[in-house]
């Protein structure tokens, strides 16, 4: 994979986050803005499922099989670890917090926005490392599309929650700027790991972070995005169709790449 392509991907991801956050500051409180976020999240949920199951999981298994001859199901365990790694801060350490796109709990108005930023940042860094390590063009494209599909809407949700908590616009922008560089930082870390390692070490690193990223993608898709999208029992057929379209996009991409 050309390093220039990964640099461009990092810049595009950062710009997507800034654009999503800026858009939230303008329309987050409107009904149309909320509906757009719902449909965007439905599409992102399908893309995340497809990227996790079709691209990342398959790549992780292939890379692991190339370097580890064992009956232990390391990839499955790593996927579970990735899932739990993102779950712990939100659902255990700060129990009672709502989903990523939900409103902050009234009893913790000052804490929730920063918890949300932490959970999203952990996921962003792990996904970025997996993307930076990726050597297969098809898998790279699939993971990048998944990240882009959610990065803007995640930044939208983060900015909306920050503003709803009464946080000043200046601090919202600083938090948004920090969040926007999490994935690029992960990409840079993955590129450095890939350059420093060769042969089996490189294969093992890619398998490790592909599997961890698959776990975080599954968590965000199932526990956050899909759960939130279908929390209101309205237009479910349309939302499911958009979700299915996102998954189909990833499936078709895997066939052609």
Protein backbone atom coordinates (compact mmCIF):
# COMPACT_ATOMS: atom_id res chain seq x y z
CA UNK A 1 0.00 0.00 0.00
CA UNK A 2 1.49 3.40 -1.00
CA UNK A 3 2.20 5.61 2.01
CA UNK A 4 0.71 8.56 0.11
CA UNK A 5 -2.66 6.80 -0.02
CA UNK A 6 -2.65 6.30 3.74
CA UNK A 7 -1.74 9.96 4.33
CA UNK A 8 -4.63 11.03 2.11
CA UNK A 9 -6.95 8.68 3.98
CA UNK A 10 -5.91 10.21 7.31
CA UNK A 11 -6.62 13.72 6.03
CA UNK A 12 -10.02 12.75 4.62
CA UNK A 13 -11.04 11.08 7.90
CA UNK A 14 -10.03 14.16 9.91
CA UNK A 15 -11.98 16.44 7.56
CA UNK A 16 -15.04 14.16 7.81
CA UNK A 17 -14.99 14.54 11.59
CA UNK A 18 -14.67 18.32 11.43
CA UNK A 19 -17.47 18.55 8.86
CA UNK A 20 -19.78 16.33 10.92
CA UNK A 21 -19.15 18.33 14.08
CA UNK A 22 -19.66 21.67 12.34
CA UNK A 23 -22.89 20.41 10.80
CA UNK A 24 -24.13 19.38 14.25
CA UNK A 25 -23.60 22.89 15.62
CA UNK A 26 -25.96 24.17 12.92
CA UNK A 27 -28.75 21.59 12.73
CA UNK A 28 -28.50 19.21 15.70
CA UNK A 29 -31.57 20.69 17.36
CA UNK A 30 -33.79 20.48 14.26
CA UNK A 31 -36.09 17.59 13.40
CA UNK A 32 -34.59 17.26 9.92
CA UNK A 33 -31.08 17.14 11.36
CA UNK A 34 -32.06 14.35 13.77
CA UNK A 35 -33.67 12.32 10.95
CA UNK A 36 -30.61 12.73 8.75
CA UNK A 37 -28.44 11.51 11.60
CA UNK A 38 -30.71 8.49 12.07
CA UNK A 39 -30.51 7.45 8.41
CA UNK A 40 -26.78 8.14 8.30
CA UNK A 41 -26.28 5.97 11.34
CA UNK A 42 -28.40 3.20 9.82
CA UNK A 43 -26.13 3.17 6.77
CA UNK A 44 -23.05 3.29 9.00
CA UNK A 45 -24.37 0.38 11.09
CA UNK A 46 -24.60 -1.85 8.02
CA UNK A 47 -21.19 -0.71 6.79
CA UNK A 48 -19.63 -1.46 10.18
CA UNK A 49 -21.16 -4.93 10.30
CA UNK A 50 -19.90 -5.70 6.81
CA UNK A 51 -16.44 -4.26 7.44
CA UNK A 52 -16.10 -6.26 10.66
CA UNK A 53 -17.42 -9.60 9.42
CA UNK A 54 -16.48 -9.57 5.73
CA UNK A 55 -13.21 -7.62 5.68
CA UNK A 56 -11.48 -7.35 9.06
CA UNK A 57 -12.39 -10.77 10.42
CA UNK A 58 -11.38 -12.55 7.23
CA UNK A 59 -8.09 -10.67 7.02
CA UNK A 60 -7.30 -11.33 10.67
CA UNK A 61 -7.87 -15.06 10.23
CA UNK A 62 -5.71 -15.18 7.10
CA UNK A 63 -2.81 -13.29 8.69
CA UNK A 64 -3.02 -15.29 11.92
CA UNK A 65 -3.06 -18.62 10.05
CA UNK A 66 0.09 -17.58 8.19
CA UNK A 67 2.14 -17.19 11.38
CA UNK A 68 0.45 -19.22 14.12
CA UNK A 69 -0.09 -22.96 13.86
CA UNK A 70 -2.42 -23.55 16.77
CA UNK A 71 -5.85 -24.91 17.51
CA UNK A 72 -6.48 -22.00 19.87
CA UNK A 73 -8.98 -19.59 18.35
CA UNK A 74 -6.88 -16.47 18.85
CA UNK A 75 -8.79 -14.33 16.37
CA UNK A 76 -12.14 -15.00 18.03
CA UNK A 77 -10.66 -14.13 21.43
CA UNK A 78 -9.12 -10.92 20.10
CA UNK A 79 -12.42 -9.89 18.53
CA UNK A 80 -14.05 -10.39 21.93
CA UNK A 81 -11.32 -8.36 23.63
CA UNK A 82 -11.84 -5.51 21.15
CA UNK A 83 -15.59 -5.60 21.81
CA UNK A 84 -15.10 -5.52 25.58
CA UNK A 85 -12.37 -2.89 25.44
CA UNK A 86 -14.83 -0.33 24.08
CA UNK A 87 -17.67 -1.57 26.26
CA UNK A 88 -15.90 -1.25 29.62
CA UNK A 89 -15.60 2.56 29.88
CA UNK A 90 -19.21 3.22 28.91
CA UNK A 91 -21.15 0.31 30.34
CA UNK A 92 -19.06 -0.67 33.39
CA UNK A 93 -16.78 2.12 34.60
CA UNK A 94 -19.44 4.76 33.98
CA UNK A 95 -22.55 2.58 34.26
CA UNK A 96 -25.78 4.33 33.38
CA UNK A 97 -24.50 6.29 30.40
CA UNK A 98 -26.60 6.10 27.28
CA UNK A 99 -25.73 5.08 23.74
CA UNK A 100 -23.29 7.07 21.66
CA UNK A 101 -26.02 9.01 19.85
CA UNK A 102 -28.29 9.36 22.89
CA UNK A 103 -28.78 12.26 25.23
CA UNK A 104 -26.59 12.59 28.33
CA UNK A 105 -28.06 11.29 31.57
CA UNK A 106 -29.44 14.13 33.66
CA UNK A 107 -27.57 13.09 36.76
CA UNK A 108 -24.18 13.34 35.01
CA UNK A 109 -24.46 16.37 32.70
CA UNK A 110 -20.81 17.33 33.02
CA UNK A 111 -19.26 13.87 32.73
CA UNK A 112 -21.08 12.18 29.88
CA UNK A 113 -19.75 14.30 26.97
CA UNK A 114 -16.16 13.52 27.91
CA UNK A 115 -16.95 9.85 28.47
CA UNK A 116 -18.47 9.82 24.99
CA UNK A 117 -15.31 11.39 23.55
CA UNK A 118 -13.19 8.75 25.36
CA UNK A 119 -15.20 5.79 24.04
CA UNK A 120 -15.18 7.14 20.49
CA UNK A 121 -11.46 7.91 20.70
CA UNK A 122 -10.52 4.39 21.86
CA UNK A 123 -12.42 2.93 18.94
CA UNK A 124 -10.95 5.49 16.52
CA UNK A 125 -7.34 4.77 17.49
CA UNK A 126 -7.73 1.00 17.20
CA UNK A 127 -9.50 1.30 13.83
CA UNK A 128 -6.79 3.71 12.65
CA UNK A 129 -3.98 1.33 13.61
CA UNK A 130 -5.71 -1.49 11.73
CA UNK A 131 -6.06 0.77 8.69
CA UNK A 132 -2.43 1.88 8.88
CA UNK A 133 -1.23 -1.72 9.04
CA UNK A 134 -3.44 -2.89 6.17
CA UNK A 135 -1.57 -4.15 3.11
CA UNK A 136 -4.49 -5.45 1.04
CA UNK A 137 -6.11 -2.76 -1.11
CA UNK A 138 -9.58 -4.29 -0.93
CA UNK A 139 -9.56 -4.58 2.85
CA UNK A 140 -8.07 -1.08 3.11
CA UNK A 141 -10.91 0.34 1.04
CA UNK A 142 -13.52 -1.54 3.08
CA UNK A 143 -12.20 -0.36 6.44
CA UNK A 144 -11.75 3.20 5.19
CA UNK A 145 -15.34 3.34 3.92
CA UNK A 146 -16.57 2.02 7.26
CA UNK A 147 -14.58 4.64 9.17
CA UNK A 148 -15.79 7.45 6.91
CA UNK A 149 -19.39 6.25 7.10
CA UNK A 150 -19.41 6.69 10.86
CA UNK A 151 -16.79 9.37 11.54
CA UNK A 152 -18.97 12.26 10.43
CA UNK A 153 -22.07 11.05 12.28
CA UNK A 154 -20.03 10.24 15.40
CA UNK A 155 -18.58 13.76 15.38
CA UNK A 156 -22.11 15.08 14.78
CA UNK A 157 -23.37 13.21 17.86
CA UNK A 158 -20.39 14.25 19.97
CA UNK A 159 -20.80 17.96 19.13
CA UNK A 160 -24.56 17.79 19.71
CA UNK A 161 -24.11 16.20 23.15
CA UNK A 162 -21.43 18.73 24.10
CA UNK A 163 -23.70 21.64 23.17
CA UNK A 164 -26.72 20.08 24.90
CA UNK A 165 -24.60 19.86 28.07
CA UNK A 166 -24.07 23.60 27.93
CA UNK A 167 -20.37 23.44 27.05
CA UNK A 168 -19.00 26.59 25.40
CA UNK A 169 -18.51 26.56 21.64
CA UNK A 170 -14.74 27.06 21.99
CA UNK A 171 -14.38 23.93 24.11
CA UNK A 172 -16.63 22.00 21.74
CA UNK A 173 -14.30 22.87 18.87
CA UNK A 174 -11.20 21.87 20.88
CA UNK A 175 -12.76 18.53 21.81
CA UNK A 176 -13.85 18.00 18.22
CA UNK A 177 -10.35 18.82 16.93
CA UNK A 178 -8.84 16.29 19.35
CA UNK A 179 -11.34 13.64 18.31
CA UNK A 180 -10.71 14.31 14.62
CA UNK A 181 -7.01 13.41 14.93
CA UNK A 182 -7.54 10.12 16.80
CA UNK A 183 -7.96 8.00 13.66
CA UNK A 184 -5.10 9.73 11.80
CA UNK A 185 -2.91 9.16 14.87
CA UNK A 186 -3.87 5.49 14.77
CA UNK A 187 -3.09 5.32 11.05
CA UNK A 188 0.36 6.87 11.65
CA UNK A 189 1.01 4.37 14.46
CA UNK A 190 -0.01 1.48 12.22
CA UNK A 191 2.26 2.70 9.41
CA UNK A 192 5.20 2.96 11.85
CA UNK A 193 4.50 -0.53 13.21
CA UNK A 194 4.35 -1.91 9.69
CA UNK A 195 7.62 -0.24 8.70
CA UNK A 196 9.44 -1.46 11.81
CA UNK A 197 8.33 -5.06 11.47
CA UNK A 198 8.96 -7.64 8.80
CA UNK A 199 7.60 -11.01 7.75
CA UNK A 200 5.96 -12.88 10.63
CA UNK A 201 6.01 -9.95 13.05
CA UNK A 202 4.20 -7.76 10.51
CA UNK A 203 1.67 -10.50 9.78
CA UNK A 204 1.02 -11.02 13.49
CA UNK A 205 0.59 -7.27 14.13
CA UNK A 206 -1.89 -6.95 11.29
CA UNK A 207 -3.84 -9.97 12.52
CA UNK A 208 -3.90 -8.55 16.06
CA UNK A 209 -5.21 -5.10 15.17
CA UNK A 210 -7.58 -6.35 12.46
CA UNK A 211 -9.19 -8.62 15.05
CA UNK A 212 -9.31 -5.90 17.73
CA UNK A 213 -10.78 -3.45 15.22
CA UNK A 214 -13.38 -6.03 14.18
CA UNK A 215 -14.45 -6.27 17.83
CA UNK A 216 -14.75 -2.51 18.22
CA UNK A 217 -16.67 -2.28 14.93
CA UNK A 218 -19.10 -4.94 16.13
CA UNK A 219 -19.61 -3.13 19.43
CA UNK A 220 -20.25 0.23 17.81
CA UNK A 221 -22.56 -1.32 15.21
CA UNK A 222 -24.65 -3.49 17.54
CA UNK A 223 -24.58 -1.81 20.95
CA UNK A 224 -24.54 1.78 19.79
CA UNK A 225 -25.64 2.45 16.22
CA UNK A 226 -28.30 -0.20 15.56
CA UNK A 227 -29.61 0.00 19.12
CA UNK A 228 -30.03 3.76 18.81
CA UNK A 229 -31.43 3.74 15.25
CA UNK A 230 -34.23 1.33 16.22
CA UNK A 231 -34.88 2.81 19.66
CA UNK A 232 -37.89 4.62 18.17
CA UNK A 233 -40.42 2.32 16.54
CA UNK A 234 -41.01 4.34 13.37
CA UNK A 235 -40.03 3.91 9.72
CA UNK A 236 -38.28 0.67 10.68
CA UNK A 237 -38.57 -0.79 7.18
CA UNK A 238 -36.80 2.22 5.69
CA UNK A 239 -34.11 2.18 8.37
CA UNK A 240 -33.55 -1.55 7.88
CA UNK A 241 -33.30 -1.04 4.12
CA UNK A 242 -30.61 1.60 4.60
CA UNK A 243 -28.82 -0.68 7.07
CA UNK A 244 -28.98 -3.56 4.59
CA UNK A 245 -27.63 -1.30 1.85
CA UNK A 246 -24.60 -0.51 3.99
CA UNK A 247 -23.90 -4.19 4.61
CA UNK A 248 -24.43 -5.00 0.92
CA UNK A 249 -21.95 -2.31 -0.04
CA UNK A 250 -19.26 -4.02 2.01
CA UNK A 251 -20.19 -7.43 0.64
CA UNK A 252 -20.01 -6.23 -2.98
CA UNK A 253 -16.71 -4.48 -2.29
CA UNK A 254 -15.23 -7.75 -1.04
CA UNK A 255 -16.29 -9.55 -4.23
CA UNK A 256 -14.71 -6.98 -6.55
CA UNK A 257 -11.53 -6.49 -4.56
